[in-house]
Amino acid sequence: MDNVAAVLLSIVKWIFQLIPPTKGRIPEPGTLFQKLLSLRFGEDKLKKLEFLTEFYFHYGLFKFDSKIYIFNSKLAQQAIYKLEKGAEHYLENSPLKNTFLGSSQKSPETRRAIASLFRKTSIEERAVIMMGDIQEMCKKFRGEPNSIVNITEWTLRLALDIVGHVLLELDFHGLDKQQETMISSMTTILHRCYALNEVQPGSKEFSDASEQFDAITQRVLEEALSIDDVAFKGKRLVKSLHDACGFSEAKDNMKLFLMAGTETTASTIPVVMSLLVKYPEIQNELRQEAETLINALVADPTTRLPKTESVLSEVLRLYPIAPFISRQNYEPVTLGDVNLDQHADVIIFTWGIHRSSHFWDRAREFVPFRFLNSSKTSGNMYIPFGAGSRVCIGQHLAWLELRLAIAFLLYQFKFEHAQETPELNFVVDWAHAVVHPDKDMIFKISPTQNNPIKLP
């Protein structure tokens, strides 16, 4: 039946493209069209939206489920900068509701303190700490039984270690092994509830996980504030945040650091490794680059890794971890020729922008070294970390962490397909705007013959 629906959708698309677009109109699929979409894509909303992006390309936007999806670059840029953040109405039951992500009313002092936590220079100054955490993970890999590694689980632990050490100057392993409880509660909230829909937001299991996460976050903050600042060169990052907004608001934003600070790494590295296992020749090229540049990278963590960075950029193009940016308008507004009513629910559809055949050559293919040639990417809208006032505040942390982790891992290990390795499929956390692989990514690993990495 889905093959029949595919043919019918192709015919409808061909006919529709013969009709000139109506200026100022926001098109919307009708009942019959939506039935065809369901026959073709089932309940996969992301695939439906991707199809509609191509179908309505000449309009640059469309309406679906009462939301307006924008993918025209000029309209998207106007929406990003002219409209207000639109996250709070998605986060009603989320532990992140009272963070600066979920509220547009937080004080400028808080925003400045948070910005200082994630300033590029501040993150790079702590790169040695980050490398130490990555190397500890690599040491533990060697002790894995049967050389089978759950890279999703390990990268989540790595990301938490880095958030603790780099942002909070705190070792989560020292909190009476609270790291395990933290991981369990985060997994229940972010993955089992919002991504997989196995747990409902109003359920006891969700409430228990939220209360558990709140209690752990409070303890983490108390522990971090109890450390004497004399041991550090200046005022610590977490102390700056506390002084700016007080304990309660600092705790709320700590939840954001712990959750969002792990999301990019825990979602992206498993995808990268899945693709490198599928294309072993690309894995070998990146390994050779790491072998050539590892000493320079250890001496200066900002050292360019052109091929690795191109692969990471391509992964974030093809599978943007943040698939959309939400916006709201609190009074009527005009974007281009389109008039939006008050309180329109606007989505800048990053996933559609990044995967549109109208913007990118071989748009839905993995082209690992696409970003080595800037002439092939210039002019295209590329926003893997968002843009405007909702640009990912942790982008510098995430990018440095991804670069170092991939280089260190490939320098020391070869990754291969195992019987347990799942197909790469995705689920969407629509509340927090995050795409996850639907299953843990598990691979066979074997050590390389390279010399041990010596950290400063």
Protein backbone atom coordinates (compact mmCIF):
# COMPACT_ATOMS: atom_id res chain seq x y z
CA MET A 1 0.00 0.00 0.00
CA ASP A 2 2.86 2.41 0.76
CA ASN A 3 4.19 1.86 -2.82
CA VAL A 4 0.81 2.84 -4.23
CA ALA A 5 0.77 5.89 -1.95
CA ALA A 6 4.29 6.80 -3.13
CA VAL A 7 3.19 6.73 -6.76
CA LEU A 8 0.06 8.77 -6.02
CA LEU A 9 2.09 11.34 -4.06
CA SER A 10 4.52 11.64 -6.98
CA ILE A 11 1.63 12.30 -9.36
CA VAL A 12 0.10 14.87 -7.02
CA LYS A 13 3.50 16.56 -6.64
CA TRP A 14 3.98 16.71 -10.42
CA ILE A 15 0.54 18.25 -10.94
CA PHE A 16 1.00 20.70 -8.06
CA GLN A 17 4.30 21.97 -9.47
CA LEU A 18 2.49 22.96 -12.70
CA ILE A 19 0.36 25.42 -10.73
CA PRO A 20 2.02 28.82 -10.08
CA PRO A 21 2.30 29.55 -6.34
CA THR A 22 -0.19 32.04 -4.93
CA LYS A 23 1.57 35.08 -3.48
CA GLY A 24 1.23 35.39 0.29
CA ARG A 25 -0.51 32.04 0.73
CA ILE A 26 0.42 29.46 3.37
CA PRO A 27 -0.44 26.09 1.76
CA GLU A 28 -1.74 23.21 3.86
CA PRO A 29 -2.31 19.55 2.91
CA GLY A 30 -5.98 18.60 2.82
CA THR A 31 -7.62 15.52 4.32
CA LEU A 32 -7.01 13.23 1.32
CA PHE A 33 -3.41 14.43 1.01
CA GLN A 34 -2.80 13.70 4.69
CA LYS A 35 -4.24 10.19 4.27
CA LEU A 36 -1.78 9.56 1.44
CA LEU A 37 1.06 10.82 3.65
CA SER A 38 -0.01 8.42 6.41
CA LEU A 39 -0.23 5.50 3.97
CA ARG A 40 3.25 6.31 2.70
CA PHE A 41 5.05 7.24 5.94
CA GLY A 42 2.88 5.81 8.71
CA GLU A 43 3.32 7.72 11.96
CA ASP A 44 6.76 9.07 11.02
CA LYS A 45 6.08 12.78 11.28
CA LEU A 46 9.64 13.75 10.38
CA LYS A 47 9.42 11.97 7.00
CA LYS A 48 6.05 13.57 6.32
CA LEU A 49 7.48 17.01 7.00
CA GLU A 50 10.52 16.30 4.85
CA PHE A 51 8.26 15.32 1.94
CA LEU A 52 6.16 18.45 2.40
CA THR A 53 9.31 20.60 2.32
CA GLU A 54 10.03 19.36 -1.19
CA PHE A 55 6.36 19.44 -2.23
CA TYR A 56 5.82 23.08 -1.19
CA PHE A 57 9.32 24.29 -2.07
CA HIS A 58 8.13 27.17 -4.28
CA TYR A 59 6.09 28.56 -1.37
CA GLY A 60 8.95 28.33 1.11
CA LEU A 61 6.60 27.33 3.93
CA PHE A 62 3.53 25.25 4.71
CA LYS A 63 1.08 24.59 7.54
CA PHE A 64 0.80 21.20 9.20
CA ASP A 65 -0.86 20.27 12.52
CA SER A 66 -1.56 23.97 13.24
CA LYS A 67 2.15 24.89 12.95
CA ILE A 68 3.79 26.91 10.20
CA TYR A 69 6.98 25.28 8.90
CA ILE A 70 9.42 27.65 7.18
CA PHE A 71 12.33 26.48 5.00
CA ASN A 72 12.90 29.38 2.59
CA SER A 73 16.21 30.89 3.74
CA LYS A 74 15.08 34.53 3.61
CA LEU A 75 11.81 33.81 5.43
CA ALA A 76 13.69 31.64 7.94
CA GLN A 77 16.19 34.38 8.71
CA GLN A 78 13.40 36.92 9.17
CA ALA A 79 11.53 34.56 11.50
CA ILE A 80 14.64 33.80 13.54
CA TYR A 81 15.45 37.44 14.17
CA LYS A 82 12.00 39.11 14.16
CA LEU A 83 9.97 36.65 16.23
CA GLU A 84 10.20 35.68 19.89
CA LYS A 85 11.55 32.43 21.26
CA GLY A 86 8.84 29.80 21.16
CA ALA A 87 10.06 27.06 23.44
CA GLU A 88 8.07 27.63 26.61
CA HIS A 89 4.75 26.23 25.37
CA TYR A 90 6.52 22.99 24.33
CA LEU A 91 8.11 22.51 27.76
CA GLU A 92 5.04 22.58 30.01
CA ASN A 93 5.87 19.27 31.71
CA SER A 94 9.62 19.34 31.12
CA PRO A 95 12.23 19.75 33.89
CA LEU A 96 13.66 22.48 31.63
CA LYS A 97 10.51 24.62 31.80
CA ASN A 98 12.03 27.17 34.20
CA THR A 99 15.42 27.41 32.52
CA PHE A 100 16.37 30.26 30.21
CA LEU A 101 15.58 27.88 27.33
CA GLY A 102 11.94 27.69 28.43
CA SER A 103 11.39 31.30 29.43
CA SER A 104 11.93 34.57 27.61
CA GLN A 105 11.73 36.51 30.87
CA LYS A 106 15.04 35.58 32.49
CA SER A 107 17.22 38.47 33.68
CA PRO A 108 20.08 39.92 31.60
CA GLU A 109 22.45 39.15 34.52
CA THR A 110 21.59 35.47 34.28
CA ARG A 111 22.09 35.47 30.52
CA ARG A 112 25.48 37.13 30.84
CA ALA A 113 26.57 34.64 33.49
CA ILE A 114 25.42 31.72 31.36
CA ALA A 115 27.15 33.16 28.28
CA SER A 116 30.40 33.36 30.25
CA LEU A 117 30.11 29.65 31.07
CA PHE A 118 30.15 28.74 27.39
CA ARG A 119 32.42 31.40 25.90
CA LYS A 120 34.70 29.88 23.26
CA THR A 121 37.90 30.92 25.02
CA SER A 122 36.62 29.62 28.38
CA ILE A 123 35.85 26.22 26.86
CA GLU A 124 39.18 25.99 25.03
CA GLU A 125 41.08 26.80 28.22
CA ARG A 126 39.64 23.59 29.69
CA ALA A 127 40.43 21.40 26.68
CA VAL A 128 43.11 19.49 28.59
CA ILE A 129 40.47 18.42 31.13
CA MET A 130 38.24 17.33 28.26
CA MET A 131 41.05 15.29 26.70
CA GLY A 132 41.64 13.60 30.04
CA ASP A 133 37.99 12.50 30.23
CA ILE A 134 38.08 11.18 26.67
CA GLN A 135 41.26 9.26 27.36
CA GLU A 136 39.74 7.71 30.50
CA MET A 137 36.84 6.47 28.38
CA CYS A 138 39.30 4.95 25.89
CA LYS A 139 41.10 3.13 28.70
CA LYS A 140 37.80 1.62 29.85
CA PHE A 141 37.01 0.53 26.29
CA ARG A 142 39.97 -1.82 26.44
CA GLY A 143 38.35 -3.65 29.34
CA GLU A 144 35.04 -4.25 27.58
CA PRO A 145 34.15 -7.98 27.30
CA ASN A 146 34.20 -9.53 23.81
CA SER A 147 35.34 -6.18 22.39
CA ILE A 148 31.69 -5.07 22.04
CA VAL A 149 31.00 -1.47 23.01
CA ASN A 150 27.71 0.37 23.50
CA ILE A 151 28.94 3.70 22.15
CA THR A 152 25.67 5.46 23.05
CA GLU A 153 26.01 4.57 26.71
CA TRP A 154 29.69 5.44 26.84
CA THR A 155 29.31 8.81 25.12
CA LEU A 156 26.50 9.76 27.50
CA ARG A 157 28.80 9.02 30.43
CA LEU A 158 31.62 10.90 28.74
CA ALA A 159 29.43 13.94 28.14
CA LEU A 160 28.36 13.98 31.80
CA ASP A 161 31.97 13.74 32.94
CA ILE A 162 32.93 16.64 30.70
CA VAL A 163 30.01 18.79 31.86
CA GLY A 164 31.01 18.07 35.45
CA HIS A 165 34.71 18.74 35.03
CA VAL A 166 34.70 21.49 32.40
CA LEU A 167 31.66 23.54 33.43
CA LEU A 168 31.25 22.78 37.13
CA GLU A 169 34.76 21.77 38.27
CA LEU A 170 33.11 18.76 39.91
CA ASP A 171 33.60 15.00 39.65
CA PHE A 172 30.20 13.28 39.46
CA HIS A 173 31.85 9.97 40.34
CA GLY A 174 32.51 11.37 43.81
CA LEU A 175 28.85 12.02 44.60
CA ASP A 176 28.22 8.60 46.15
CA LYS A 177 27.92 7.16 42.64
CA GLN A 178 24.99 9.45 41.85
CA GLN A 179 26.04 9.42 38.21
CA GLU A 180 24.14 6.15 37.64
CA THR A 181 20.93 7.62 39.10
CA MET A 182 21.44 10.78 37.05
CA ILE A 183 21.81 8.78 33.84
CA SER A 184 18.75 6.67 34.65
CA SER A 185 16.50 9.66 35.35
CA MET A 186 17.74 11.57 32.29
CA THR A 187 17.17 8.53 30.07
CA THR A 188 13.61 8.15 31.38
CA ILE A 189 12.80 11.81 30.82
CA LEU A 190 14.51 12.56 27.51
CA HIS A 191 14.50 9.24 25.71
CA ARG A 192 11.77 6.99 27.09
CA CYS A 193 9.25 9.80 27.52
CA TYR A 194 9.84 12.57 24.99
CA ALA A 195 11.53 10.60 22.19
CA LEU A 196 10.12 7.05 22.37
CA ASN A 197 6.77 7.79 24.10
CA GLU A 198 7.18 4.73 26.33
CA VAL A 199 6.49 6.84 29.43
CA GLN A 200 3.84 9.57 29.69
CA PRO A 201 4.67 12.99 31.23
CA GLY A 202 1.88 12.61 33.82
CA SER A 203 2.88 9.12 34.92
CA LYS A 204 4.38 8.18 38.28
CA GLU A 205 7.52 6.91 36.57
CA PHE A 206 8.06 10.27 34.91
CA SER A 207 7.32 12.18 38.15
CA ASP A 208 9.72 9.96 40.10
CA ALA A 209 12.47 10.50 37.51
CA SER A 210 11.89 14.28 37.54
CA GLU A 211 12.00 14.45 41.34
CA GLN A 212 15.11 12.29 41.37
CA PHE A 213 16.79 14.50 38.80
CA ASP A 214 15.83 17.63 40.74
CA ALA A 215 17.29 16.22 43.96
CA ILE A 216 20.53 15.21 42.26
CA THR A 217 20.84 18.61 40.57
CA GLN A 218 20.40 20.32 43.92
CA ARG A 219 23.11 18.17 45.44
CA VAL A 220 25.43 18.81 42.49
CA LEU A 221 24.96 22.56 42.88
CA GLU A 222 25.47 22.44 46.66
CA GLU A 223 28.63 20.38 46.19
CA ALA A 224 29.95 22.73 43.52
CA LEU A 225 29.29 25.81 45.67
CA SER A 226 31.02 24.26 48.68
CA ILE A 227 34.39 24.12 46.90
CA ASP A 228 36.81 26.88 47.90
CA ASP A 229 37.44 29.32 45.05
CA VAL A 230 41.03 29.74 46.21
CA ALA A 231 41.90 26.49 44.45
CA PHE A 232 40.98 28.09 41.10
CA LYS A 233 42.55 30.98 39.19
CA GLY A 234 39.39 33.08 39.27
CA LYS A 235 35.71 32.93 40.17
CA ARG A 236 34.39 29.56 39.10
CA LEU A 237 31.74 29.35 36.42
CA VAL A 238 29.05 27.85 38.63
CA LYS A 239 29.70 30.49 41.31
CA SER A 240 29.20 33.26 38.73
CA LEU A 241 25.84 31.79 37.77
CA HIS A 242 24.76 31.45 41.41
CA ASP A 243 25.77 35.03 42.21
CA ALA A 244 23.82 36.31 39.19
CA CYS A 245 20.49 34.61 39.78
CA GLY A 246 20.38 32.86 43.17
CA PHE A 247 20.21 29.20 44.13
CA SER A 248 16.77 28.27 42.75
CA GLU A 249 17.29 29.71 39.27
CA ALA A 250 20.87 28.43 39.18
CA LYS A 251 19.57 24.93 39.95
CA ASP A 252 17.02 25.16 37.14
CA ASN A 253 19.69 26.17 34.65
CA MET A 254 22.01 23.44 35.94
CA LYS A 255 19.39 20.98 34.68
CA LEU A 256 19.80 22.53 31.26
CA PHE A 257 23.59 22.12 31.44
CA LEU A 258 23.29 18.49 32.49
CA MET A 259 20.67 17.55 29.90
CA ALA A 260 21.47 19.77 26.92
CA GLY A 261 25.19 19.53 27.67
CA THR A 262 25.06 15.80 27.00
CA GLU A 263 22.55 15.68 24.15
CA THR A 264 24.74 16.72 21.21
CA THR A 265 27.59 14.38 22.10
CA ALA A 266 25.41 11.42 23.07
CA SER A 267 23.38 11.76 19.86
CA THR A 268 26.09 12.72 17.35
CA ILE A 269 29.02 10.40 18.10
CA PRO A 270 26.92 7.22 17.74
CA VAL A 271 25.68 8.50 14.35
CA VAL A 272 29.23 9.33 13.23
CA MET A 273 30.47 5.88 14.25
CA SER A 274 27.55 4.18 12.55
CA LEU A 275 28.47 5.89 9.27
CA LEU A 276 32.20 5.16 9.70
CA VAL A 277 31.40 1.49 10.26
CA LYS A 278 29.26 1.53 7.12
CA TYR A 279 32.06 3.26 5.16
CA PRO A 280 35.32 1.77 6.53
CA GLU A 281 37.42 3.52 3.88
CA ILE A 282 36.31 6.89 5.31
CA GLN A 283 37.08 5.63 8.83
CA ASN A 284 40.60 4.76 7.66
CA GLU A 285 41.09 8.23 6.16
CA LEU A 286 40.07 9.89 9.41
CA ARG A 287 42.32 7.54 11.36
CA GLN A 288 45.26 8.47 9.16
CA GLU A 289 44.52 12.14 9.78
CA ALA A 290 44.42 11.52 13.54
CA GLU A 291 47.72 9.62 13.38
CA THR A 292 49.34 12.51 11.51
CA LEU A 293 48.00 15.28 13.74
CA ILE A 294 47.57 13.67 17.19
CA ASN A 295 50.69 15.24 18.73
CA ALA A 296 49.80 18.67 17.38
CA LEU A 297 46.23 18.21 18.62
CA VAL A 298 47.36 17.30 22.13
CA ALA A 299 49.68 20.33 22.19
CA ASP A 300 46.96 22.62 20.81
CA PRO A 301 43.39 21.21 20.91
CA THR A 302 42.23 23.87 18.42
CA THR A 303 44.44 22.33 15.70
CA ARG A 304 42.41 21.88 12.51
CA LEU A 305 41.33 18.37 11.54
CA PRO A 306 40.00 19.14 8.05
CA LYS A 307 38.64 15.71 7.12
CA THR A 308 37.23 14.96 10.59
CA GLU A 309 35.60 18.38 10.74
CA SER A 310 34.10 17.90 7.27
CA VAL A 311 32.61 14.56 8.30
CA LEU A 312 31.17 16.08 11.48
CA SER A 313 29.74 19.00 9.52
CA GLU A 314 28.19 16.59 7.02
CA VAL A 315 26.64 14.48 9.78
CA LEU A 316 25.14 17.63 11.31
CA ARG A 317 23.82 18.59 7.88
CA LEU A 318 22.33 15.23 6.98
CA TYR A 319 21.09 14.42 10.49
CA PRO A 320 20.81 17.77 12.33
CA ILE A 321 20.50 16.91 16.01
CA ALA A 322 18.33 20.01 16.49
CA PRO A 323 15.80 19.50 13.65
CA PHE A 324 13.93 22.78 14.09
CA ILE A 325 13.90 26.19 15.77
CA SER A 326 10.60 27.32 17.29
CA ARG A 327 9.33 30.89 17.24
CA GLN A 328 6.17 32.76 18.30
CA ASN A 329 4.77 36.16 17.40
CA TYR A 330 2.73 38.01 20.01
CA GLU A 331 1.24 40.43 17.50
CA PRO A 332 0.50 40.22 13.76
CA VAL A 333 3.68 40.28 11.67
CA THR A 334 4.69 40.06 8.01
CA LEU A 335 7.47 37.79 6.75
CA GLY A 336 8.17 38.49 3.08
CA ASP A 337 4.73 38.38 1.42
CA VAL A 338 3.18 36.28 4.19
CA ASN A 339 1.03 37.79 6.94
CA LEU A 340 1.09 35.88 10.22
CA ASP A 341 -1.73 36.20 12.72
CA GLN A 342 -1.07 36.89 16.39
CA HIS A 343 0.34 33.88 18.29
CA ALA A 344 1.25 31.93 15.17
CA ASP A 345 3.28 28.82 16.01
CA VAL A 346 6.31 29.07 13.70
CA ILE A 347 8.91 26.36 13.08
CA ILE A 348 12.13 27.05 11.18
CA PHE A 349 12.55 23.55 9.78
CA THR A 350 16.29 22.88 9.91
CA TRP A 351 15.88 19.23 8.95
CA GLY A 352 14.11 20.20 5.73
CA ILE A 353 16.55 23.03 4.93
CA HIS A 354 19.57 20.77 5.38
CA ARG A 355 18.14 17.89 3.33
CA SER A 356 16.44 19.78 0.49
CA SER A 357 17.46 18.79 -3.04
CA HIS A 358 16.86 22.41 -4.03
CA PHE A 359 19.67 23.58 -1.74
CA TRP A 360 22.15 20.71 -1.71
CA ASP A 361 23.64 18.41 -4.32
CA ARG A 362 23.01 14.76 -3.37
CA ALA A 363 20.99 16.16 -0.47
CA ARG A 364 20.04 12.88 1.22
CA GLU A 365 23.37 11.18 0.70
CA PHE A 366 26.29 11.09 3.10
CA VAL A 367 29.04 13.01 1.28
CA PRO A 368 31.81 12.93 3.89
CA PHE A 369 34.16 15.52 2.41
CA ARG A 370 31.49 17.90 1.10
CA PHE A 371 32.67 20.63 3.48
CA LEU A 372 36.30 20.47 2.35
CA ASN A 373 35.24 22.48 -0.68
CA SER A 374 33.62 25.68 0.54
CA SER A 375 32.41 26.55 -2.96
CA LYS A 376 30.02 23.58 -2.79
CA THR A 377 28.44 24.74 0.46
CA SER A 378 28.56 28.54 0.28
CA GLY A 379 25.20 30.21 -0.12
CA ASN A 380 23.29 27.36 1.49
CA MET A 381 21.60 27.90 4.83
CA TYR A 382 23.43 25.74 7.35
CA ILE A 383 22.29 26.07 10.97
CA PRO A 384 23.11 22.83 12.86
CA PHE A 385 23.31 24.70 16.18
CA GLY A 386 20.38 26.99 15.48
CA ALA A 387 20.66 30.74 15.03
CA GLY A 388 19.64 34.02 16.57
CA SER A 389 18.59 34.20 20.21
CA ARG A 390 18.11 30.44 20.37
CA VAL A 391 21.50 29.50 18.95
CA CYS A 392 22.86 26.57 20.93
CA ILE A 393 24.74 28.14 23.81
CA GLY A 394 26.88 25.02 24.12
CA GLN A 395 28.01 24.90 20.49
CA HIS A 396 31.69 25.59 21.31
CA LEU A 397 31.70 22.90 23.99
CA ALA A 398 29.99 20.43 21.66
CA TRP A 399 32.22 21.11 18.65
CA LEU A 400 35.49 20.83 20.58
CA GLU A 401 34.27 17.71 22.36
CA LEU A 402 33.19 16.04 19.11
CA ARG A 403 36.46 16.80 17.32
CA LEU A 404 38.63 15.53 20.16
CA ALA A 405 36.51 12.46 20.86
CA ILE A 406 36.45 11.28 17.23
CA ALA A 407 40.19 11.82 16.79
CA PHE A 408 41.10 10.07 20.06
CA LEU A 409 38.74 7.16 19.43
CA LEU A 410 39.88 6.51 15.86
CA TYR A 411 43.56 6.88 16.77
CA GLN A 412 43.22 4.11 19.35
CA PHE A 413 40.44 1.85 18.01
CA LYS A 414 39.01 0.34 14.88
CA PHE A 415 35.20 0.16 14.84
CA GLU A 416 33.36 -2.61 12.98
CA HIS A 417 29.86 -3.97 12.54
CA ALA A 418 28.75 -6.52 15.15
CA GLN A 419 25.78 -8.85 15.36
CA GLU A 420 24.25 -6.44 17.88
CA THR A 421 24.69 -3.34 15.66
CA PRO A 422 21.25 -1.88 14.82
CA GLU A 423 20.16 -0.05 11.68
CA LEU A 424 20.44 3.73 11.93
CA ASN A 425 16.90 5.07 12.44
CA PHE A 426 15.73 8.15 14.28
CA VAL A 427 13.10 9.35 16.73
CA VAL A 428 12.33 12.97 17.56
CA ASP A 429 11.93 14.66 20.92
CA TRP A 430 9.53 17.34 19.71
CA ALA A 431 9.44 19.14 23.07
CA HIS A 432 13.19 19.74 23.31
CA ALA A 433 13.85 19.79 19.53
CA VAL A 434 16.33 16.91 19.47
CA VAL A 435 16.75 13.93 17.12
CA HIS A 436 18.06 10.64 18.59
CA PRO A 437 18.95 7.27 17.09
CA ASP A 438 16.06 5.03 18.13
CA LYS A 439 18.38 2.34 19.52
CA ASP A 440 21.72 2.27 21.28
CA MET A 441 24.55 1.98 18.76
CA ILE A 442 26.71 -1.07 19.51
CA PHE A 443 29.93 -1.93 17.67
CA LYS A 444 32.84 -4.32 17.69
CA ILE A 445 36.14 -2.61 18.50
CA SER A 446 39.78 -3.60 18.29
CA PRO A 447 42.82 -1.60 19.43
CA THR A 448 45.13 -0.10 16.81
CA GLN A 449 48.91 -0.44 16.98
CA ASN A 450 49.43 3.26 17.67
CA ASN A 451 51.50 4.42 20.62
CA PRO A 452 49.60 5.59 23.74
CA ILE A 453 48.53 9.22 23.76
CA LYS A 454 50.56 11.31 26.21
CA LEU A 455 48.58 14.20 27.65
CA PRO A 456 50.23 17.35 29.05
